[in-house]
Structures are given as C-alpha cells and as structure tokens.
Amino acid sequence: MESMKKAFGCVGSLLIMVAVLCNGQAWAADTKIGVIDMKKVLSTSTSGQKAQDIIEQKMKTLQSSFKTEETDLIALQKEIEKKSSAWSDTVKKEKATAFQKKRGELAAKQEEANNEMKKLREQHVNPILKKLEEIVEKVAKSEGYALILPRNVVLYATDTVDVSDKITAELNKVMK
C-alpha cells in the first residue's frame, strides 16, 4: 500500500511537471524578445554624437595642455640621466626634487582632468541614457516586447530581434 502511494505521488508530480513545461513552452513561443546595442545607439543617434563630439573636443584640449608639461618632464629626466655624474650631490638632489615635484603636479592635473571628463560624460550622456530607458519601455509596450536585453549580455541574437535602429529613431525624434 505504501509503495502504491509513492508511485501515484511520483506519477502525479511527473504530470504536474509536464503540464508546467508545456505551458512554459507555449508561453515562450508567444513571448517577443528584443536586443539593443547601446554602443550603436549612442554612436549613431544625433544626441549621442553631439555628446561624443563635446567629450572628444574636451579630451583633445586637455591632452594638448599636458603635452608641454610632459615634454618638460621628459627633458628634465634626460638631463638628469646624462649630467648627474658631473653634478654635485646638492645639484643632484635639487634636480631630483624638481623632477618629483613636476611629476606630482602633472599626476595631480591628470587626475583632475579625469574627474572633469567623468563629470562631462555624466552631464552629457546620463540624460541620454535616462531618455533611452523611457523610449525602450515605450517601444517595448507599443510593439509587444516582453523583454529587451542589452546585446552585450546576450550570447547570440538574430538581427531580426535587434531593436537598436527603432530605438535610435525614437531617440532622434525626442531629443532634437
């Protein structure tokens, strides 16, 4: 009697699992899933291109401002390497101190520039990302997508499920 109860329990559990799997497969067949390539959207949208241009221009400006300081630092390093054997200990110490000071100042300026670039990216890219969230939700709802994933977390997706161009077009409409 006990073994019959176990057998019926196993059969019952098996039937429930089959029903759930079949129902899950039916749900999966009806589910519309899309992917979005965020890099593509940001690089091809008008607002993304504007933000990128602003960021690149600032980067070039900052890099050119460091160029002379880097050149001076390299020149001082070469001078120390070439002439240190002829210098007295005090001159060697002064030059080494000057080199360390210039290197520290340059590192501080570069760190400040990195922070400035980070703030600039946040200022220009974050509003686009915020708007993208709204647009993705709108497109998903209007076109019946149950799920839209970023392409970089998907191992494989056909081009037919890529909604990047739709999202880019909507972003261009909204952020003129």
C-alpha atoms as a PDB file:
ATOM      1  CA  MET A   1       0.000   0.000   0.000  1.00  0.00           C
ATOM      2  CA  GLU A   2       2.817   2.399   0.887  1.00  0.00           C
ATOM      3  CA  SER A   3       4.635   1.725  -2.396  1.00  0.00           C
ATOM      4  CA  MET A   4       1.437   2.444  -4.367  1.00  0.00           C
ATOM      5  CA  LYS A   5       1.108   5.842  -2.674  1.00  0.00           C
ATOM      6  CA  LYS A   6       4.700   6.655  -3.606  1.00  0.00           C
ATOM      7  CA  ALA A   7       4.108   5.528  -7.200  1.00  0.00           C
ATOM      8  CA  PHE A   8       0.945   7.668  -7.507  1.00  0.00           C
ATOM      9  CA  GLY A   9       2.811  10.588  -5.922  1.00  0.00           C
ATOM     10  CA  CYS A  10       5.656  10.260  -8.435  1.00  0.00           C
ATOM     11  CA  VAL A  11       3.249   9.944 -11.364  1.00  0.00           C
ATOM     12  CA  GLY A  12       1.257  12.937 -10.100  1.00  0.00           C
ATOM     13  CA  SER A  13       4.413  15.023  -9.712  1.00  0.00           C
ATOM     14  CA  LEU A  14       5.557  13.981 -13.169  1.00  0.00           C
ATOM     15  CA  LEU A  15       2.224  15.036 -14.700  1.00  0.00           C
ATOM     16  CA  ILE A  16       2.390  18.414 -12.972  1.00  0.00           C
ATOM     17  CA  MET A  17       5.947  18.974 -14.232  1.00  0.00           C
ATOM     18  CA  VAL A  18       4.946  18.058 -17.798  1.00  0.00           C
ATOM     19  CA  ALA A  19       1.982  20.451 -17.623  1.00  0.00           C
ATOM     20  CA  VAL A  20       4.204  23.275 -16.336  1.00  0.00           C
ATOM     21  CA  LEU A  21       6.853  22.634 -19.012  1.00  0.00           C
ATOM     22  CA  CYS A  22       4.289  22.513 -21.796  1.00  0.00           C
ATOM     23  CA  ASN A  23       2.691  25.699 -20.519  1.00  0.00           C
ATOM     24  CA  GLY A  24       6.150  27.313 -20.254  1.00  0.00           C
ATOM     25  CA  GLN A  25       6.976  26.321 -23.819  1.00  0.00           C
ATOM     26  CA  ALA A  26       3.716  27.780 -25.061  1.00  0.00           C
ATOM     27  CA  TRP A  27       4.458  30.985 -23.165  1.00  0.00           C
ATOM     28  CA  ALA A  28       7.980  31.113 -24.591  1.00  0.00           C
ATOM     29  CA  ALA A  29       6.666  30.675 -28.141  1.00  0.00           C
ATOM     30  CA  ASP A  30       4.395  33.707 -27.710  1.00  0.00           C
ATOM     31  CA  THR A  31       6.994  35.860 -25.962  1.00  0.00           C
ATOM     32  CA  LYS A  32       8.542  38.632 -28.032  1.00  0.00           C
ATOM     33  CA  ILE A  33      12.134  39.377 -27.054  1.00  0.00           C
ATOM     34  CA  GLY A  34      14.406  42.085 -28.407  1.00  0.00           C
ATOM     35  CA  VAL A  35      18.009  43.189 -28.001  1.00  0.00           C
ATOM     36  CA  ILE A  36      19.527  46.648 -28.127  1.00  0.00           C
ATOM     37  CA  ASP A  37      23.106  47.597 -28.918  1.00  0.00           C
ATOM     38  CA  MET A  38      23.648  50.561 -26.607  1.00  0.00           C
ATOM     39  CA  LYS A  39      27.008  51.492 -28.144  1.00  0.00           C
ATOM     40  CA  LYS A  40      25.418  51.595 -31.581  1.00  0.00           C
ATOM     41  CA  VAL A  41      22.504  53.712 -30.369  1.00  0.00           C
ATOM     42  CA  LEU A  42      24.800  56.176 -28.593  1.00  0.00           C
ATOM     43  CA  SER A  43      27.227  56.420 -31.512  1.00  0.00           C
ATOM     44  CA  THR A  44      24.597  56.765 -34.263  1.00  0.00           C
ATOM     45  CA  SER A  45      21.968  58.923 -32.564  1.00  0.00           C
ATOM     46  CA  THR A  46      22.150  62.669 -33.043  1.00  0.00           C
ATOM     47  CA  SER A  47      22.275  63.401 -29.313  1.00  0.00           C
ATOM     48  CA  GLY A  48      24.861  60.665 -28.744  1.00  0.00           C
ATOM     49  CA  GLN A  49      27.067  62.053 -31.498  1.00  0.00           C
ATOM     50  CA  LYS A  50      26.793  65.576 -30.054  1.00  0.00           C
ATOM     51  CA  ALA A  51      27.750  64.321 -26.614  1.00  0.00           C
ATOM     52  CA  GLN A  52      30.665  62.351 -28.065  1.00  0.00           C
ATOM     53  CA  ASP A  53      31.890  65.398 -30.007  1.00  0.00           C
ATOM     54  CA  ILE A  54      31.822  67.548 -26.869  1.00  0.00           C
ATOM     55  CA  ILE A  55      33.685  64.907 -24.873  1.00  0.00           C
ATOM     56  CA  GLU A  56      36.296  64.339 -27.604  1.00  0.00           C
ATOM     57  CA  GLN A  57      36.895  68.079 -28.001  1.00  0.00           C
ATOM     58  CA  LYS A  58      37.451  68.478 -24.275  1.00  0.00           C
ATOM     59  CA  MET A  59      39.757  65.452 -24.271  1.00  0.00           C
ATOM     60  CA  LYS A  60      41.872  66.949 -27.060  1.00  0.00           C
ATOM     61  CA  THR A  61      42.076  70.266 -25.232  1.00  0.00           C
ATOM     62  CA  LEU A  62      43.183  68.593 -22.012  1.00  0.00           C
ATOM     63  CA  GLN A  63      45.712  66.387 -23.799  1.00  0.00           C
ATOM     64  CA  SER A  64      47.283  69.351 -25.572  1.00  0.00           C
ATOM     65  CA  SER A  65      47.547  71.219 -22.272  1.00  0.00           C
ATOM     66  CA  PHE A  66      49.569  68.323 -20.833  1.00  0.00           C
ATOM     67  CA  LYS A  67      51.819  67.999 -23.858  1.00  0.00           C
ATOM     68  CA  THR A  68      54.276  70.750 -22.877  1.00  0.00           C
ATOM     69  CA  GLU A  69      54.419  69.611 -19.265  1.00  0.00           C
ATOM     70  CA  GLU A  70      55.103  66.027 -20.328  1.00  0.00           C
ATOM     71  CA  THR A  71      57.794  67.225 -22.724  1.00  0.00           C
ATOM     72  CA  ASP A  72      59.420  69.316 -19.983  1.00  0.00           C
ATOM     73  CA  LEU A  73      59.318  66.367 -17.601  1.00  0.00           C
ATOM     74  CA  ILE A  74      60.958  64.046 -20.144  1.00  0.00           C
ATOM     75  CA  ALA A  75      63.616  66.657 -20.909  1.00  0.00           C
ATOM     76  CA  LEU A  76      64.406  67.027 -17.200  1.00  0.00           C
ATOM     77  CA  GLN A  77      64.629  63.251 -16.811  1.00  0.00           C
ATOM     78  CA  LYS A  78      67.058  63.005 -19.747  1.00  0.00           C
ATOM     79  CA  GLU A  79      69.138  65.864 -18.358  1.00  0.00           C
ATOM     80  CA  ILE A  80      69.364  64.093 -15.000  1.00  0.00           C
ATOM     81  CA  GLU A  81      70.381  60.829 -16.680  1.00  0.00           C
ATOM     82  CA  LYS A  82      73.064  62.471 -18.843  1.00  0.00           C
ATOM     83  CA  LYS A  83      74.579  65.015 -16.472  1.00  0.00           C
ATOM     84  CA  SER A  84      74.107  63.551 -12.999  1.00  0.00           C
ATOM     85  CA  SER A  85      77.596  62.057 -12.914  1.00  0.00           C
ATOM     86  CA  ALA A  86      79.105  65.555 -13.301  1.00  0.00           C
ATOM     87  CA  TRP A  87      76.868  67.189 -10.680  1.00  0.00           C
ATOM     88  CA  SER A  88      77.498  67.599  -7.007  1.00  0.00           C
ATOM     89  CA  ASP A  89      75.244  65.805  -4.534  1.00  0.00           C
ATOM     90  CA  THR A  90      73.300  69.017  -3.816  1.00  0.00           C
ATOM     91  CA  VAL A  91      72.612  69.653  -7.508  1.00  0.00           C
ATOM     92  CA  LYS A  92      71.560  66.014  -7.964  1.00  0.00           C
ATOM     93  CA  LYS A  93      69.220  66.347  -5.005  1.00  0.00           C
ATOM     94  CA  GLU A  94      67.762  69.644  -6.299  1.00  0.00           C
ATOM     95  CA  LYS A  95      67.162  68.199  -9.763  1.00  0.00           C
ATOM     96  CA  ALA A  96      65.612  65.013  -8.336  1.00  0.00           C
ATOM     97  CA  THR A  97      63.349  67.084  -6.106  1.00  0.00           C
ATOM     98  CA  ALA A  98      62.348  69.301  -9.042  1.00  0.00           C
ATOM     99  CA  PHE A  99      61.614  66.202 -11.117  1.00  0.00           C
ATOM    100  CA  GLN A 100      59.495  64.627  -8.379  1.00  0.00           C
ATOM    101  CA  LYS A 101      57.619  67.890  -7.871  1.00  0.00           C
ATOM    102  CA  LYS A 102      56.857  68.276 -11.601  1.00  0.00           C
ATOM    103  CA  ARG A 103      55.809  64.630 -11.865  1.00  0.00           C
ATOM    104  CA  GLY A 104      53.492  65.032  -8.867  1.00  0.00           C
ATOM    105  CA  GLU A 105      51.973  68.218 -10.286  1.00  0.00           C
ATOM    106  CA  LEU A 106      51.397  66.537 -13.642  1.00  0.00           C
ATOM    107  CA  ALA A 107      49.788  63.496 -11.969  1.00  0.00           C
ATOM    108  CA  ALA A 108      47.509  65.790  -9.946  1.00  0.00           C
ATOM    109  CA  LYS A 109      46.481  67.690 -13.090  1.00  0.00           C
ATOM    110  CA  GLN A 110      45.810  64.434 -14.921  1.00  0.00           C
ATOM    111  CA  GLU A 111      43.670  63.191 -12.038  1.00  0.00           C
ATOM    112  CA  GLU A 112      41.775  66.481 -12.048  1.00  0.00           C
ATOM    113  CA  ALA A 113      41.299  66.148 -15.817  1.00  0.00           C
ATOM    114  CA  ASN A 114      39.983  62.589 -15.384  1.00  0.00           C
ATOM    115  CA  ASN A 115      37.453  63.838 -12.849  1.00  0.00           C
ATOM    116  CA  GLU A 116      36.460  66.648 -15.190  1.00  0.00           C
ATOM    117  CA  MET A 117      35.972  64.162 -18.044  1.00  0.00           C
ATOM    118  CA  LYS A 118      33.882  61.911 -15.801  1.00  0.00           C
ATOM    119  CA  LYS A 119      31.640  64.845 -14.865  1.00  0.00           C
ATOM    120  CA  LEU A 120      31.374  65.871 -18.512  1.00  0.00           C
ATOM    121  CA  ARG A 121      30.308  62.342 -19.512  1.00  0.00           C
ATOM    122  CA  GLU A 122      27.744  62.283 -16.721  1.00  0.00           C
ATOM    123  CA  GLN A 123      26.455  65.697 -17.748  1.00  0.00           C
ATOM    124  CA  HIS A 124      26.052  64.826 -21.427  1.00  0.00           C
ATOM    125  CA  VAL A 125      25.496  61.049 -21.537  1.00  0.00           C
ATOM    126  CA  ASN A 126      23.327  60.438 -18.453  1.00  0.00           C
ATOM    127  CA  PRO A 127      20.354  62.468 -19.769  1.00  0.00           C
ATOM    128  CA  ILE A 128      20.504  60.424 -22.988  1.00  0.00           C
ATOM    129  CA  LEU A 129      20.567  57.165 -21.026  1.00  0.00           C
ATOM    130  CA  LYS A 130      17.628  58.329 -18.928  1.00  0.00           C
ATOM    131  CA  LYS A 131      15.651  59.163 -22.075  1.00  0.00           C
ATOM    132  CA  LEU A 132      16.678  55.812 -23.593  1.00  0.00           C
ATOM    133  CA  GLU A 133      15.097  53.962 -20.664  1.00  0.00           C
ATOM    134  CA  GLU A 134      11.804  55.730 -21.322  1.00  0.00           C
ATOM    135  CA  ILE A 135      12.000  55.082 -25.065  1.00  0.00           C
ATOM    136  CA  VAL A 136      12.847  51.389 -24.643  1.00  0.00           C
ATOM    137  CA  GLU A 137       9.862  50.985 -22.323  1.00  0.00           C
ATOM    138  CA  LYS A 138       7.603  52.826 -24.786  1.00  0.00           C
ATOM    139  CA  VAL A 139       8.754  50.735 -27.761  1.00  0.00           C
ATOM    140  CA  ALA A 140       8.509  47.510 -25.747  1.00  0.00           C
ATOM    141  CA  LYS A 141       4.932  48.253 -24.727  1.00  0.00           C
ATOM    142  CA  SER A 142       3.776  49.525 -28.106  1.00  0.00           C
ATOM    143  CA  GLU A 143       5.280  46.628 -30.055  1.00  0.00           C
ATOM    144  CA  GLY A 144       4.537  43.866 -27.569  1.00  0.00           C
ATOM    145  CA  TYR A 145       8.014  43.023 -26.337  1.00  0.00           C
ATOM    146  CA  ALA A 146       8.074  41.128 -23.061  1.00  0.00           C
ATOM    147  CA  LEU A 147      11.810  41.635 -22.715  1.00  0.00           C
ATOM    148  CA  ILE A 148      14.504  43.830 -24.273  1.00  0.00           C
ATOM    149  CA  LEU A 149      18.069  42.983 -23.305  1.00  0.00           C
ATOM    150  CA  PRO A 150      21.358  44.766 -23.950  1.00  0.00           C
ATOM    151  CA  ARG A 151      23.195  42.998 -26.785  1.00  0.00           C
ATOM    152  CA  ASN A 152      26.428  42.772 -24.787  1.00  0.00           C
ATOM    153  CA  VAL A 153      24.853  40.322 -22.290  1.00  0.00           C
ATOM    154  CA  VAL A 154      23.344  38.065 -24.959  1.00  0.00           C
ATOM    155  CA  LEU A 155      25.483  35.287 -26.405  1.00  0.00           C
ATOM    156  CA  TYR A 156      23.510  35.090 -29.635  1.00  0.00           C
ATOM    157  CA  ALA A 157      20.641  37.006 -31.183  1.00  0.00           C
ATOM    158  CA  THR A 158      19.476  37.226 -34.779  1.00  0.00           C
ATOM    159  CA  ASP A 159      19.315  40.620 -36.410  1.00  0.00           C
ATOM    160  CA  THR A 160      15.530  40.320 -36.537  1.00  0.00           C
ATOM    161  CA  VAL A 161      15.280  40.828 -32.768  1.00  0.00           C
ATOM    162  CA  ASP A 162      17.627  43.840 -32.719  1.00  0.00           C
ATOM    163  CA  VAL A 163      15.608  46.974 -31.941  1.00  0.00           C
ATOM    164  CA  SER A 164      18.598  49.358 -31.920  1.00  0.00           C
ATOM    165  CA  ASP A 165      17.547  51.181 -35.097  1.00  0.00           C
ATOM    166  CA  LYS A 166      13.977  51.670 -33.826  1.00  0.00           C
ATOM    167  CA  ILE A 167      15.270  52.997 -30.523  1.00  0.00           C
ATOM    168  CA  THR A 168      17.745  55.310 -32.280  1.00  0.00           C
ATOM    169  CA  ALA A 169      14.979  56.711 -34.492  1.00  0.00           C
ATOM    170  CA  GLU A 170      12.756  57.355 -31.464  1.00  0.00           C
ATOM    171  CA  LEU A 171      15.641  58.954 -29.564  1.00  0.00           C
ATOM    172  CA  ASN A 172      16.345  61.254 -32.505  1.00  0.00           C
ATOM    173  CA  LYS A 173      12.671  62.303 -32.559  1.00  0.00           C
ATOM    174  CA  VAL A 174      12.582  63.020 -28.831  1.00  0.00           C
ATOM    175  CA  MET A 175      15.995  64.677 -28.369  1.00  0.00           C
ATOM    176  CA  LYS A 176      16.267  67.178 -31.210  1.00  0.00           C
END
